[in-house]
Amino acid sequence: MQQLRVVDLAHTMGITSKELIFKLRSIGVSVTSDEDTLDLSTVRSIITGETLQRRPREVIVRSEARQEEATTSTARDRMAKRRRRQVVETEKEILEFAPESFDDEAEAVGDVVLLGSEATEAGFRFSVSRRPRWQAVHVACHGVVDPDRPTLSALALTPTAADDGFLTALDVFRLRVPADLVVLSACDSGVGKIVNAEGVLGLMRAFVFAGAPRVVVSLGRVSDTATRAFMEAFYAQFQAGAPAATALRGAQTYVRGHPEWAHPHFWASWVLWGLPR
């Protein structure tokens, strides 16, 4: 059976061996050093989320989370910072997440909306775990791109006393995001680092790794007003049953049909990663 060293997999992903070992341990894969090897079936199961789904989960402060090793006070401090604040359960299917200044877009497309002070890192982690599966998770915020260290590219959420508000790609790699679709409504959310034989590494790859088979992202800077119109048109079709790729194309056509947004700057940067349907 073909084997792959941890250090080689980490290099391919654009992260350090230490970061990958932490990720592997958190989902139940027993590794001790970067020279350990993984069979390809294990790698595939990690990427598709099968290992996560099979492993029993520990509950930390009323939220679903994987137990992290806490043999030192520093590790225990990290665990404490991951405590989730409680939110009201809901039966709606689309989770909308937006810090202040993105309220209009959030309220236009979301069924379950977290705004301003609720749109924190902890709020995001807790909220996505509240349903077995979301139809969509929509994040409307500013994007921060680190082209040299793509795992540090981030979504700028609301900061708190416990964290800086930057949900990095590395943070997302450590999460489980049970959604049929993730939309990152942020400038440059699809920009990353090109890794040989792997493609682009960044926020979009992190959300695919976390469990979303489809991710809509932007390859450039976007207009707030045109983006709101784009997202309303996109979700109107997607929720009506149109495949994600069809809904994306329809939304681009809709925005392009307005004279003030006819230029490709307003609609062409949106792309779909993953499954087209």
C-alpha atoms as a PDB file:
ATOM      1  CA  MET A   1       0.000   0.000   0.000  1.00  0.00           C
ATOM      2  CA  GLN A   2       1.368   3.426  -0.958  1.00  0.00           C
ATOM      3  CA  GLN A   3       2.541   5.554   1.959  1.00  0.00           C
ATOM      4  CA  LEU A   4       2.997   9.311   2.427  1.00  0.00           C
ATOM      5  CA  ARG A   5       5.196  10.887   5.089  1.00  0.00           C
ATOM      6  CA  VAL A   6       3.675  13.495   7.385  1.00  0.00           C
ATOM      7  CA  VAL A   7       6.432  15.976   6.486  1.00  0.00           C
ATOM      8  CA  ASP A   8       5.673  15.559   2.753  1.00  0.00           C
ATOM      9  CA  LEU A   9       1.936  16.019   3.266  1.00  0.00           C
ATOM     10  CA  ALA A  10       2.569  19.142   5.359  1.00  0.00           C
ATOM     11  CA  HIS A  11       4.805  20.589   2.629  1.00  0.00           C
ATOM     12  CA  THR A  12       2.112  19.912   0.033  1.00  0.00           C
ATOM     13  CA  MET A  13      -0.499  21.671   2.187  1.00  0.00           C
ATOM     14  CA  GLY A  14       1.781  24.653   2.813  1.00  0.00           C
ATOM     15  CA  ILE A  15       1.766  24.269   6.608  1.00  0.00           C
ATOM     16  CA  THR A  16       4.360  23.143   9.136  1.00  0.00           C
ATOM     17  CA  SER A  17       4.682  19.538  10.268  1.00  0.00           C
ATOM     18  CA  LYS A  18       3.769  20.621  13.798  1.00  0.00           C
ATOM     19  CA  GLU A  19       0.505  22.158  12.578  1.00  0.00           C
ATOM     20  CA  LEU A  20      -0.370  19.041  10.583  1.00  0.00           C
ATOM     21  CA  ILE A  21       0.436  16.713  13.492  1.00  0.00           C
ATOM     22  CA  PHE A  22      -1.912  18.760  15.697  1.00  0.00           C
ATOM     23  CA  LYS A  23      -4.633  18.492  13.027  1.00  0.00           C
ATOM     24  CA  LEU A  24      -4.157  14.741  12.683  1.00  0.00           C
ATOM     25  CA  ARG A  25      -4.220  14.124  16.425  1.00  0.00           C
ATOM     26  CA  SER A  26      -7.342  16.260  16.824  1.00  0.00           C
ATOM     27  CA  ILE A  27      -9.262  13.951  14.469  1.00  0.00           C
ATOM     28  CA  GLY A  28      -8.001  10.712  15.956  1.00  0.00           C
ATOM     29  CA  VAL A  29      -4.994   9.828  13.781  1.00  0.00           C
ATOM     30  CA  SER A  30      -2.087   8.550  15.866  1.00  0.00           C
ATOM     31  CA  VAL A  31       1.160  10.270  14.842  1.00  0.00           C
ATOM     32  CA  THR A  32       4.259  11.114  16.861  1.00  0.00           C
ATOM     33  CA  SER A  33       6.704  12.723  14.421  1.00  0.00           C
ATOM     34  CA  ASP A  34       6.919  14.201  10.953  1.00  0.00           C
ATOM     35  CA  GLU A  35       8.637  11.018   9.736  1.00  0.00           C
ATOM     36  CA  ASP A  36       5.560   8.903  10.439  1.00  0.00           C
ATOM     37  CA  THR A  37       3.769   7.643   7.333  1.00  0.00           C
ATOM     38  CA  LEU A  38       0.098   7.582   6.368  1.00  0.00           C
ATOM     39  CA  ASP A  39      -1.485   5.288   3.826  1.00  0.00           C
ATOM     40  CA  LEU A  40      -3.358   7.067   1.051  1.00  0.00           C
ATOM     41  CA  SER A  41      -6.726   5.712   2.186  1.00  0.00           C
ATOM     42  CA  THR A  42      -6.191   7.462   5.528  1.00  0.00           C
ATOM     43  CA  VAL A  43      -5.301  10.712   3.753  1.00  0.00           C
ATOM     44  CA  ARG A  44      -8.434  10.449   1.615  1.00  0.00           C
ATOM     45  CA  SER A  45     -10.641   9.764   4.628  1.00  0.00           C
ATOM     46  CA  ILE A  46      -9.185  12.807   6.425  1.00  0.00           C
ATOM     47  CA  ILE A  47      -9.872  15.041   3.439  1.00  0.00           C
ATOM     48  CA  THR A  48     -13.451  13.804   2.995  1.00  0.00           C
ATOM     49  CA  GLY A  49     -14.181  14.001   6.721  1.00  0.00           C
ATOM     50  CA  GLU A  50     -14.838  10.274   7.225  1.00  0.00           C
ATOM     51  CA  THR A  51     -12.338  10.004  10.078  1.00  0.00           C
ATOM     52  CA  LEU A  52     -13.997  12.910  11.870  1.00  0.00           C
ATOM     53  CA  GLN A  53     -17.455  11.457  11.467  1.00  0.00           C
ATOM     54  CA  ARG A  54     -16.456   8.090  12.897  1.00  0.00           C
ATOM     55  CA  ARG A  55     -14.585   9.421  15.915  1.00  0.00           C
ATOM     56  CA  PRO A  56     -16.600  10.024  19.109  1.00  0.00           C
ATOM     57  CA  ARG A  57     -16.614  13.687  20.102  1.00  0.00           C
ATOM     58  CA  GLU A  58     -15.965  15.278  23.453  1.00  0.00           C
ATOM     59  CA  VAL A  59     -18.218  18.051  24.732  1.00  0.00           C
ATOM     60  CA  ILE A  60     -16.524  21.183  26.036  1.00  0.00           C
ATOM     61  CA  VAL A  61     -18.819  23.808  27.572  1.00  0.00           C
ATOM     62  CA  ARG A  62     -21.985  22.691  25.732  1.00  0.00           C
ATOM     63  CA  SER A  63     -20.339  22.655  22.306  1.00  0.00           C
ATOM     64  CA  GLU A  64     -19.064  19.963  19.980  1.00  0.00           C
ATOM     65  CA  ALA A  65     -15.284  19.933  19.893  1.00  0.00           C
ATOM     66  CA  ARG A  66     -12.431  17.473  19.655  1.00  0.00           C
ATOM     67  CA  GLN A  67     -10.404  17.021  22.830  1.00  0.00           C
ATOM     68  CA  GLU A  68      -6.978  18.653  22.573  1.00  0.00           C
ATOM     69  CA  GLU A  69      -4.027  17.408  24.595  1.00  0.00           C
ATOM     70  CA  ALA A  70      -3.767  19.639  27.663  1.00  0.00           C
ATOM     71  CA  THR A  71      -0.708  18.500  29.547  1.00  0.00           C
ATOM     72  CA  THR A  72       0.571  22.040  30.089  1.00  0.00           C
ATOM     73  CA  SER A  73      -0.992  25.239  31.378  1.00  0.00           C
ATOM     74  CA  THR A  74      -0.517  26.802  27.926  1.00  0.00           C
ATOM     75  CA  ALA A  75      -2.551  24.031  26.312  1.00  0.00           C
ATOM     76  CA  ARG A  76      -5.264  24.443  28.944  1.00  0.00           C
ATOM     77  CA  ASP A  77      -5.368  28.169  28.229  1.00  0.00           C
ATOM     78  CA  ARG A  78      -5.910  27.425  24.553  1.00  0.00           C
ATOM     79  CA  MET A  79      -8.752  25.105  25.455  1.00  0.00           C
ATOM     80  CA  ALA A  80     -10.399  27.791  27.574  1.00  0.00           C
ATOM     81  CA  LYS A  81     -10.294  30.275  24.702  1.00  0.00           C
ATOM     82  CA  ARG A  82     -12.251  27.842  22.549  1.00  0.00           C
ATOM     83  CA  ARG A  83     -15.299  27.875  24.792  1.00  0.00           C
ATOM     84  CA  ARG A  84     -18.410  28.719  22.850  1.00  0.00           C
ATOM     85  CA  ARG A  85     -21.098  31.200  23.818  1.00  0.00           C
ATOM     86  CA  GLN A  86     -24.636  29.806  23.747  1.00  0.00           C
ATOM     87  CA  VAL A  87     -27.022  30.809  20.933  1.00  0.00           C
ATOM     88  CA  VAL A  88     -30.666  29.953  20.322  1.00  0.00           C
ATOM     89  CA  GLU A  89     -31.259  26.764  18.337  1.00  0.00           C
ATOM     90  CA  THR A  90     -33.075  27.124  15.039  1.00  0.00           C
ATOM     91  CA  GLU A  91     -34.498  24.968  12.279  1.00  0.00           C
ATOM     92  CA  LYS A  92     -33.523  27.305   9.452  1.00  0.00           C
ATOM     93  CA  GLU A  93     -31.032  26.128   6.854  1.00  0.00           C
ATOM     94  CA  ILE A  94     -28.797  29.073   5.936  1.00  0.00           C
ATOM     95  CA  LEU A  95     -26.423  30.487   8.544  1.00  0.00           C
ATOM     96  CA  GLU A  96     -25.411  34.080   7.841  1.00  0.00           C
ATOM     97  CA  PHE A  97     -22.392  35.477   9.629  1.00  0.00           C
ATOM     98  CA  ALA A  98     -21.372  39.138   9.391  1.00  0.00           C
ATOM     99  CA  PRO A  99     -19.572  41.740  11.518  1.00  0.00           C
ATOM    100  CA  GLU A 100     -20.847  45.311  11.584  1.00  0.00           C
ATOM    101  CA  SER A 101     -21.054  47.172   8.225  1.00  0.00           C
ATOM    102  CA  PHE A 102     -22.235  44.011   6.431  1.00  0.00           C
ATOM    103  CA  ASP A 103     -25.676  43.902   8.094  1.00  0.00           C
ATOM    104  CA  ASP A 104     -27.687  44.642   4.929  1.00  0.00           C
ATOM    105  CA  GLU A 105     -26.255  41.732   2.973  1.00  0.00           C
ATOM    106  CA  ALA A 106     -26.622  39.406   5.951  1.00  0.00           C
ATOM    107  CA  GLU A 107     -30.277  40.186   6.517  1.00  0.00           C
ATOM    108  CA  ALA A 108     -31.000  39.916   2.793  1.00  0.00           C
ATOM    109  CA  VAL A 109     -29.727  36.346   2.316  1.00  0.00           C
ATOM    110  CA  GLY A 110     -29.637  34.660   5.729  1.00  0.00           C
ATOM    111  CA  ASP A 111     -32.210  32.639   7.657  1.00  0.00           C
ATOM    112  CA  VAL A 112     -30.107  32.501  10.838  1.00  0.00           C
ATOM    113  CA  VAL A 113     -28.139  35.729  11.142  1.00  0.00           C
ATOM    114  CA  LEU A 114     -25.293  36.574  13.532  1.00  0.00           C
ATOM    115  CA  LEU A 115     -24.259  40.229  13.371  1.00  0.00           C
ATOM    116  CA  GLY A 116     -21.805  42.561  15.058  1.00  0.00           C
ATOM    117  CA  SER A 117     -20.868  41.386  18.547  1.00  0.00           C
ATOM    118  CA  GLU A 118     -22.207  37.882  17.786  1.00  0.00           C
ATOM    119  CA  ALA A 119     -20.055  37.520  14.674  1.00  0.00           C
ATOM    120  CA  THR A 120     -16.941  36.374  16.522  1.00  0.00           C
ATOM    121  CA  GLU A 121     -14.550  33.453  16.078  1.00  0.00           C
ATOM    122  CA  ALA A 122     -16.151  31.637  19.005  1.00  0.00           C
ATOM    123  CA  GLY A 123     -19.617  32.452  17.688  1.00  0.00           C
ATOM    124  CA  PHE A 124     -18.723  30.997  14.305  1.00  0.00           C
ATOM    125  CA  ARG A 125     -17.291  27.785  15.734  1.00  0.00           C
ATOM    126  CA  PHE A 126     -20.264  27.286  18.001  1.00  0.00           C
ATOM    127  CA  SER A 127     -22.941  28.173  15.469  1.00  0.00           C
ATOM    128  CA  VAL A 128     -21.770  25.871  12.671  1.00  0.00           C
ATOM    129  CA  SER A 129     -21.950  22.950  15.099  1.00  0.00           C
ATOM    130  CA  ARG A 130     -25.607  23.597  15.993  1.00  0.00           C
ATOM    131  CA  ARG A 131     -26.998  21.654  13.029  1.00  0.00           C
ATOM    132  CA  PRO A 132     -26.012  18.241  11.639  1.00  0.00           C
ATOM    133  CA  ARG A 133     -25.893  19.887   8.207  1.00  0.00           C
ATOM    134  CA  TRP A 134     -26.472  23.402   6.877  1.00  0.00           C
ATOM    135  CA  GLN A 135     -27.705  24.101   3.383  1.00  0.00           C
ATOM    136  CA  ALA A 136     -25.258  27.009   3.305  1.00  0.00           C
ATOM    137  CA  VAL A 137     -22.931  28.964   5.564  1.00  0.00           C
ATOM    138  CA  HIS A 138     -22.508  32.538   4.353  1.00  0.00           C
ATOM    139  CA  VAL A 139     -19.749  34.781   5.737  1.00  0.00           C
ATOM    140  CA  ALA A 140     -19.835  38.475   4.761  1.00  0.00           C
ATOM    141  CA  CYS A 141     -16.789  40.390   6.001  1.00  0.00           C
ATOM    142  CA  HIS A 142     -13.392  41.759   5.007  1.00  0.00           C
ATOM    143  CA  GLY A 143     -10.768  39.312   3.752  1.00  0.00           C
ATOM    144  CA  VAL A 144      -7.062  39.405   4.615  1.00  0.00           C
ATOM    145  CA  VAL A 145      -4.669  37.581   2.268  1.00  0.00           C
ATOM    146  CA  ASP A 146      -1.143  36.423   3.114  1.00  0.00           C
ATOM    147  CA  PRO A 147       0.273  35.229  -0.248  1.00  0.00           C
ATOM    148  CA  ASP A 148       3.481  33.907   1.309  1.00  0.00           C
ATOM    149  CA  ARG A 149       1.858  32.096   4.241  1.00  0.00           C
ATOM    150  CA  PRO A 150      -1.610  31.180   2.933  1.00  0.00           C
ATOM    151  CA  THR A 151      -2.641  29.375   6.110  1.00  0.00           C
ATOM    152  CA  LEU A 152      -2.578  32.817   7.782  1.00  0.00           C
ATOM    153  CA  SER A 153      -5.024  34.318   5.275  1.00  0.00           C
ATOM    154  CA  ALA A 154      -8.090  35.219   7.297  1.00  0.00           C
ATOM    155  CA  LEU A 155     -11.685  36.389   7.506  1.00  0.00           C
ATOM    156  CA  ALA A 156     -11.912  39.542   9.645  1.00  0.00           C
ATOM    157  CA  LEU A 157     -14.656  38.859  12.182  1.00  0.00           C
ATOM    158  CA  THR A 158     -15.483  40.825  15.342  1.00  0.00           C
ATOM    159  CA  PRO A 159     -12.574  40.837  17.851  1.00  0.00           C
ATOM    160  CA  THR A 160     -13.131  40.028  21.520  1.00  0.00           C
ATOM    161  CA  ALA A 161     -11.045  40.000  24.683  1.00  0.00           C
ATOM    162  CA  ALA A 162     -10.238  36.352  23.980  1.00  0.00           C
ATOM    163  CA  ASP A 163      -9.127  36.639  20.330  1.00  0.00           C
ATOM    164  CA  ASP A 164      -8.200  39.096  17.582  1.00  0.00           C
ATOM    165  CA  GLY A 165     -11.179  38.278  15.375  1.00  0.00           C
ATOM    166  CA  PHE A 166      -9.123  36.868  12.507  1.00  0.00           C
ATOM    167  CA  LEU A 167     -10.427  33.430  11.512  1.00  0.00           C
ATOM    168  CA  THR A 168      -7.416  32.073   9.616  1.00  0.00           C
ATOM    169  CA  ALA A 169      -7.263  29.274   7.079  1.00  0.00           C
ATOM    170  CA  LEU A 170      -5.322  27.282   9.667  1.00  0.00           C
ATOM    171  CA  ASP A 171      -8.184  27.764  12.144  1.00  0.00           C
ATOM    172  CA  VAL A 172     -10.628  26.460   9.545  1.00  0.00           C
ATOM    173  CA  PHE A 173      -8.455  23.402   8.815  1.00  0.00           C
ATOM    174  CA  ARG A 174      -9.018  22.464  12.472  1.00  0.00           C
ATOM    175  CA  LEU A 175     -12.808  22.853  12.268  1.00  0.00           C
ATOM    176  CA  ARG A 176     -15.689  20.772  11.009  1.00  0.00           C
ATOM    177  CA  VAL A 177     -18.024  22.857   8.825  1.00  0.00           C
ATOM    178  CA  PRO A 178     -21.070  20.684   7.996  1.00  0.00           C
ATOM    179  CA  ALA A 179     -22.497  22.623   5.047  1.00  0.00           C
ATOM    180  CA  ASP A 180     -23.483  21.791   1.483  1.00  0.00           C
ATOM    181  CA  LEU A 181     -22.184  25.211   0.469  1.00  0.00           C
ATOM    182  CA  VAL A 182     -19.931  27.887   1.972  1.00  0.00           C
ATOM    183  CA  VAL A 183     -19.950  31.414   0.551  1.00  0.00           C
ATOM    184  CA  LEU A 184     -17.056  33.691   1.511  1.00  0.00           C
ATOM    185  CA  SER A 185     -18.394  37.125   0.618  1.00  0.00           C
ATOM    186  CA  ALA A 186     -15.115  38.965   1.101  1.00  0.00           C
ATOM    187  CA  CYS A 187     -12.528  40.613  -1.098  1.00  0.00           C
ATOM    188  CA  ASP A 188      -9.819  38.221  -2.367  1.00  0.00           C
ATOM    189  CA  SER A 189     -11.309  35.249  -0.494  1.00  0.00           C
ATOM    190  CA  GLY A 190     -10.265  32.945  -3.354  1.00  0.00           C
ATOM    191  CA  VAL A 191      -6.678  34.189  -3.551  1.00  0.00           C
ATOM    192  CA  GLY A 192      -3.925  31.951  -2.213  1.00  0.00           C
ATOM    193  CA  LYS A 193      -0.569  30.360  -2.904  1.00  0.00           C
ATOM    194  CA  ILE A 194      -0.066  27.982  -5.816  1.00  0.00           C
ATOM    195  CA  VAL A 195       1.415  24.710  -4.570  1.00  0.00           C
ATOM    196  CA  ASN A 196       2.872  22.280  -7.095  1.00  0.00           C
ATOM    197  CA  ALA A 197       0.589  19.311  -7.790  1.00  0.00           C
ATOM    198  CA  GLU A 198      -2.037  20.684  -5.383  1.00  0.00           C
ATOM    199  CA  GLY A 199      -3.313  23.947  -6.837  1.00  0.00           C
ATOM    200  CA  VAL A 200      -4.217  27.019  -4.806  1.00  0.00           C
ATOM    201  CA  LEU A 201      -3.899  26.852  -1.023  1.00  0.00           C
ATOM    202  CA  GLY A 202      -5.925  29.350   0.987  1.00  0.00           C
ATOM    203  CA  LEU A 203      -9.271  29.899   2.673  1.00  0.00           C
ATOM    204  CA  MET A 204     -11.247  28.055  -0.008  1.00  0.00           C
ATOM    205  CA  ARG A 205      -9.095  24.922   0.352  1.00  0.00           C
ATOM    206  CA  ALA A 206      -9.473  25.096   4.132  1.00  0.00           C
ATOM    207  CA  PHE A 207     -13.279  25.098   3.946  1.00  0.00           C
ATOM    208  CA  VAL A 208     -13.262  22.170   1.496  1.00  0.00           C
ATOM    209  CA  PHE A 209     -10.989  20.287   3.915  1.00  0.00           C
ATOM    210  CA  ALA A 210     -13.370  21.179   6.756  1.00  0.00           C
ATOM    211  CA  GLY A 211     -16.282  19.472   5.023  1.00  0.00           C
ATOM    212  CA  ALA A 212     -17.888  21.825   2.475  1.00  0.00           C
ATOM    213  CA  PRO A 213     -18.023  20.290  -1.030  1.00  0.00           C
ATOM    214  CA  ARG A 214     -18.731  23.696  -2.624  1.00  0.00           C
ATOM    215  CA  VAL A 215     -17.187  27.086  -1.832  1.00  0.00           C
ATOM    216  CA  VAL A 216     -17.999  30.378  -3.570  1.00  0.00           C
ATOM    217  CA  VAL A 217     -15.176  32.928  -3.350  1.00  0.00           C
ATOM    218  CA  SER A 218     -13.941  36.150  -4.915  1.00  0.00           C
ATOM    219  CA  LEU A 219     -10.703  36.482  -6.867  1.00  0.00           C
ATOM    220  CA  GLY A 220     -10.476  40.246  -6.346  1.00  0.00           C
ATOM    221  CA  ARG A 221     -11.923  43.300  -4.664  1.00  0.00           C
ATOM    222  CA  VAL A 222     -15.705  43.581  -4.879  1.00  0.00           C
ATOM    223  CA  SER A 223     -18.360  46.290  -4.619  1.00  0.00           C
ATOM    224  CA  ASP A 224     -20.626  46.115  -1.560  1.00  0.00           C
ATOM    225  CA  THR A 225     -23.784  47.151  -3.426  1.00  0.00           C
ATOM    226  CA  ALA A 226     -23.177  44.898  -6.427  1.00  0.00           C
ATOM    227  CA  THR A 227     -22.257  42.029  -4.115  1.00  0.00           C
ATOM    228  CA  ARG A 228     -25.537  42.307  -2.221  1.00  0.00           C
ATOM    229  CA  ALA A 229     -27.477  42.172  -5.492  1.00  0.00           C
ATOM    230  CA  PHE A 230     -25.319  39.260  -6.644  1.00  0.00           C
ATOM    231  CA  MET A 231     -25.914  37.265  -3.449  1.00  0.00           C
ATOM    232  CA  GLU A 232     -29.676  37.871  -3.462  1.00  0.00           C
ATOM    233  CA  ALA A 233     -29.875  36.604  -7.047  1.00  0.00           C
ATOM    234  CA  PHE A 234     -27.595  33.662  -6.294  1.00  0.00           C
ATOM    235  CA  TYR A 235     -29.571  32.430  -3.280  1.00  0.00           C
ATOM    236  CA  ALA A 236     -32.931  32.954  -4.984  1.00  0.00           C
ATOM    237  CA  GLN A 237     -31.869  30.362  -7.557  1.00  0.00           C
ATOM    238  CA  PHE A 238     -29.878  28.084  -5.254  1.00  0.00           C
ATOM    239  CA  GLN A 239     -32.712  27.742  -2.736  1.00  0.00           C
ATOM    240  CA  ALA A 240     -35.132  27.093  -5.584  1.00  0.00           C
ATOM    241  CA  GLY A 241     -33.104  23.997  -6.469  1.00  0.00           C
ATOM    242  CA  ALA A 242     -30.674  25.250  -9.100  1.00  0.00           C
ATOM    243  CA  PRO A 243     -27.168  23.720  -9.016  1.00  0.00           C
ATOM    244  CA  ALA A 244     -24.563  26.003  -7.463  1.00  0.00           C
ATOM    245  CA  ALA A 245     -22.790  26.563 -10.794  1.00  0.00           C
ATOM    246  CA  THR A 246     -26.086  27.459 -12.503  1.00  0.00           C
ATOM    247  CA  ALA A 247     -27.052  29.829  -9.683  1.00  0.00           C
ATOM    248  CA  LEU A 248     -23.615  31.472  -9.896  1.00  0.00           C
ATOM    249  CA  ARG A 249     -23.899  32.010 -13.624  1.00  0.00           C
ATOM    250  CA  GLY A 250     -27.432  33.334 -13.236  1.00  0.00           C
ATOM    251  CA  ALA A 251     -26.353  35.810 -10.561  1.00  0.00           C
ATOM    252  CA  GLN A 252     -23.492  37.041 -12.740  1.00  0.00           C
ATOM    253  CA  THR A 253     -25.890  37.522 -15.639  1.00  0.00           C
ATOM    254  CA  TYR A 254     -28.312  39.402 -13.387  1.00  0.00           C
ATOM    255  CA  VAL A 255     -25.656  41.817 -12.087  1.00  0.00           C
ATOM    256  CA  ARG A 256     -24.152  42.295 -15.539  1.00  0.00           C
ATOM    257  CA  GLY A 257     -27.586  43.285 -16.836  1.00  0.00           C
ATOM    258  CA  HIS A 258     -27.540  46.494 -14.755  1.00  0.00           C
ATOM    259  CA  PRO A 259     -25.791  49.302 -16.680  1.00  0.00           C
ATOM    260  CA  GLU A 260     -23.976  50.562 -13.594  1.00  0.00           C
ATOM    261  CA  TRP A 261     -22.562  47.052 -12.943  1.00  0.00           C
ATOM    262  CA  ALA A 262     -21.935  45.921 -16.512  1.00  0.00           C
ATOM    263  CA  HIS A 263     -18.157  46.086 -16.119  1.00  0.00           C
ATOM    264  CA  PRO A 264     -16.595  42.677 -15.235  1.00  0.00           C
ATOM    265  CA  HIS A 265     -15.190  44.216 -12.038  1.00  0.00           C
ATOM    266  CA  PHE A 266     -18.652  43.914 -10.478  1.00  0.00           C
ATOM    267  CA  TRP A 267     -19.453  40.275 -11.316  1.00  0.00           C
ATOM    268  CA  ALA A 268     -16.578  38.331 -12.904  1.00  0.00           C
ATOM    269  CA  SER A 269     -14.468  37.737  -9.798  1.00  0.00           C
ATOM    270  CA  TRP A 270     -16.939  35.278  -8.220  1.00  0.00           C
ATOM    271  CA  VAL A 271     -16.021  31.642  -8.773  1.00  0.00           C
ATOM    272  CA  LEU A 272     -17.135  28.254  -7.484  1.00  0.00           C
ATOM    273  CA  TRP A 273     -14.729  25.716  -5.988  1.00  0.00           C
ATOM    274  CA  GLY A 274     -15.751  22.072  -5.765  1.00  0.00           C
ATOM    275  CA  LEU A 275     -18.863  20.310  -6.977  1.00  0.00           C
ATOM    276  CA  PRO A 276     -20.889  22.193  -9.619  1.00  0.00           C
ATOM    277  CA  ARG A 277     -24.249  20.723  -8.540  1.00  0.00           C
END
